[in-house]
Amino acid sequence: CIGLMFSPGRSVKEFVEACKKATGATIKVDYLDRRAGDYAEVYSNPAKIRDELNWTAQHTDLRESLATAWKWQKAHPGGYGSA
């Protein structure tokens, strides 16, 4: 799927399933063991970005966010600057 930050409390499997549903694409997935040095779990605190930059996310639904990003990507296959 397209590169996006993970939503709080989401596993890799949940993210992949949401990508499949949002895009309607068949996505082949190989779940592999973690590589040496990979984190077992990652946590974030959204209060930090709110406090330091006065910013909060307006769109937090993972599937909706992925569908929006997928729609944009399909309309702009070359990225910014393409129609």
C-alpha atoms as a PDB file:
ATOM      1  CA  CYS A   1       0.000   0.000   0.000  1.00  0.00           C
ATOM      2  CA  ILE A   2       1.061   3.588   0.049  1.00  0.00           C
ATOM      3  CA  GLY A   3       3.298   4.825   2.801  1.00  0.00           C
ATOM      4  CA  LEU A   4       1.364   6.262   5.734  1.00  0.00           C
ATOM      5  CA  MET A   5       1.933   6.605   9.401  1.00  0.00           C
ATOM      6  CA  PHE A   6       0.273   3.929  11.472  1.00  0.00           C
ATOM      7  CA  SER A   7      -2.745   4.968  13.486  1.00  0.00           C
ATOM      8  CA  PRO A   8      -2.561   4.531  17.252  1.00  0.00           C
ATOM      9  CA  GLY A   9      -3.211   0.985  18.385  1.00  0.00           C
ATOM     10  CA  ARG A  10      -2.927  -0.635  14.957  1.00  0.00           C
ATOM     11  CA  SER A  11      -1.012  -3.779  14.129  1.00  0.00           C
ATOM     12  CA  VAL A  12       0.737  -4.415  10.830  1.00  0.00           C
ATOM     13  CA  LYS A  13      -1.942  -6.978   9.951  1.00  0.00           C
ATOM     14  CA  GLU A  14      -4.743  -4.474  10.644  1.00  0.00           C
ATOM     15  CA  PHE A  15      -2.963  -1.894   8.482  1.00  0.00           C
ATOM     16  CA  VAL A  16      -2.560  -4.354   5.595  1.00  0.00           C
ATOM     17  CA  GLU A  17      -6.221  -5.390   5.790  1.00  0.00           C
ATOM     18  CA  ALA A  18      -7.281  -1.738   5.795  1.00  0.00           C
ATOM     19  CA  CYS A  19      -5.098  -1.159   2.697  1.00  0.00           C
ATOM     20  CA  LYS A  20      -6.796  -4.059   0.923  1.00  0.00           C
ATOM     21  CA  LYS A  21     -10.267  -2.754   1.747  1.00  0.00           C
ATOM     22  CA  ALA A  22      -9.470   0.882   0.916  1.00  0.00           C
ATOM     23  CA  THR A  23      -7.879   0.137  -2.456  1.00  0.00           C
ATOM     24  CA  GLY A  24      -9.787  -2.936  -3.574  1.00  0.00           C
ATOM     25  CA  ALA A  25      -6.410  -4.276  -4.665  1.00  0.00           C
ATOM     26  CA  THR A  26      -5.052  -7.747  -4.098  1.00  0.00           C
ATOM     27  CA  ILE A  27      -1.972  -7.290  -1.970  1.00  0.00           C
ATOM     28  CA  LYS A  28       0.446 -10.172  -1.556  1.00  0.00           C
ATOM     29  CA  VAL A  29       1.894 -10.110   1.921  1.00  0.00           C
ATOM     30  CA  ASP A  30       4.763 -12.073   3.359  1.00  0.00           C
ATOM     31  CA  TYR A  31       4.944 -11.737   7.128  1.00  0.00           C
ATOM     32  CA  LEU A  32       8.552 -12.216   8.143  1.00  0.00           C
ATOM     33  CA  ASP A  33      10.344 -12.290  11.465  1.00  0.00           C
ATOM     34  CA  ARG A  34      11.685  -8.991  12.734  1.00  0.00           C
ATOM     35  CA  ARG A  35      15.163  -8.119  11.580  1.00  0.00           C
ATOM     36  CA  ALA A  36      17.952  -7.566  14.060  1.00  0.00           C
ATOM     37  CA  GLY A  37      17.479  -4.098  15.508  1.00  0.00           C
ATOM     38  CA  ASP A  38      13.772  -3.796  14.623  1.00  0.00           C
ATOM     39  CA  TYR A  39      11.536  -2.603  17.437  1.00  0.00           C
ATOM     40  CA  ALA A  40       9.039  -5.092  18.843  1.00  0.00           C
ATOM     41  CA  GLU A  41       6.555  -2.293  19.564  1.00  0.00           C
ATOM     42  CA  VAL A  42       6.429   1.422  18.924  1.00  0.00           C
ATOM     43  CA  TYR A  43       4.361   3.958  20.820  1.00  0.00           C
ATOM     44  CA  SER A  44       3.760   7.625  20.201  1.00  0.00           C
ATOM     45  CA  ASN A  45       2.247  10.477  22.132  1.00  0.00           C
ATOM     46  CA  PRO A  46       0.102  12.742  19.927  1.00  0.00           C
ATOM     47  CA  ALA A  47       0.026  15.322  22.729  1.00  0.00           C
ATOM     48  CA  LYS A  48       3.598  16.313  21.848  1.00  0.00           C
ATOM     49  CA  ILE A  49       2.726  17.532  18.340  1.00  0.00           C
ATOM     50  CA  ARG A  50      -0.340  19.283  19.736  1.00  0.00           C
ATOM     51  CA  ASP A  51       1.684  21.015  22.456  1.00  0.00           C
ATOM     52  CA  GLU A  52       4.748  21.884  20.350  1.00  0.00           C
ATOM     53  CA  LEU A  53       3.137  22.706  16.980  1.00  0.00           C
ATOM     54  CA  ASN A  54      -0.482  23.320  17.967  1.00  0.00           C
ATOM     55  CA  TRP A  55      -1.565  20.666  15.447  1.00  0.00           C
ATOM     56  CA  THR A  56      -4.068  17.827  15.699  1.00  0.00           C
ATOM     57  CA  ALA A  57      -5.161  15.371  13.037  1.00  0.00           C
ATOM     58  CA  GLN A  58      -8.553  16.036  11.514  1.00  0.00           C
ATOM     59  CA  HIS A  59      -8.891  12.627   9.853  1.00  0.00           C
ATOM     60  CA  THR A  60      -8.182   9.680  12.113  1.00  0.00           C
ATOM     61  CA  ASP A  61     -10.183   6.848  10.558  1.00  0.00           C
ATOM     62  CA  LEU A  62      -7.542   4.534   9.067  1.00  0.00           C
ATOM     63  CA  ARG A  63      -9.658   3.080   6.263  1.00  0.00           C
ATOM     64  CA  GLU A  64     -11.017   6.487   5.232  1.00  0.00           C
ATOM     65  CA  SER A  65      -7.526   8.010   5.277  1.00  0.00           C
ATOM     66  CA  LEU A  66      -6.132   5.189   3.152  1.00  0.00           C
ATOM     67  CA  ALA A  67      -8.997   5.463   0.651  1.00  0.00           C
ATOM     68  CA  THR A  68      -8.405   9.214   0.312  1.00  0.00           C
ATOM     69  CA  ALA A  69      -4.660   8.735  -0.136  1.00  0.00           C
ATOM     70  CA  TRP A  70      -5.233   5.943  -2.681  1.00  0.00           C
ATOM     71  CA  LYS A  71      -7.633   8.121  -4.684  1.00  0.00           C
ATOM     72  CA  TRP A  72      -5.075  10.939  -4.757  1.00  0.00           C
ATOM     73  CA  GLN A  73      -2.249   8.560  -5.747  1.00  0.00           C
ATOM     74  CA  LYS A  74      -4.268   7.130  -8.634  1.00  0.00           C
ATOM     75  CA  ALA A  75      -5.013  10.672  -9.871  1.00  0.00           C
ATOM     76  CA  HIS A  76      -1.340  11.704  -9.520  1.00  0.00           C
ATOM     77  CA  PRO A  77       0.781   8.639 -10.391  1.00  0.00           C
ATOM     78  CA  GLY A  78       3.886  10.797 -10.769  1.00  0.00           C
ATOM     79  CA  GLY A  79       3.332  12.539  -7.450  1.00  0.00           C
ATOM     80  CA  TYR A  80       3.051  16.273  -7.037  1.00  0.00           C
ATOM     81  CA  GLY A  81       3.187  18.238 -10.269  1.00  0.00           C
ATOM     82  CA  SER A  82       1.209  15.653 -12.282  1.00  0.00           C
ATOM     83  CA  ALA A  83      -2.490  15.756 -12.985  1.00  0.00           C
END
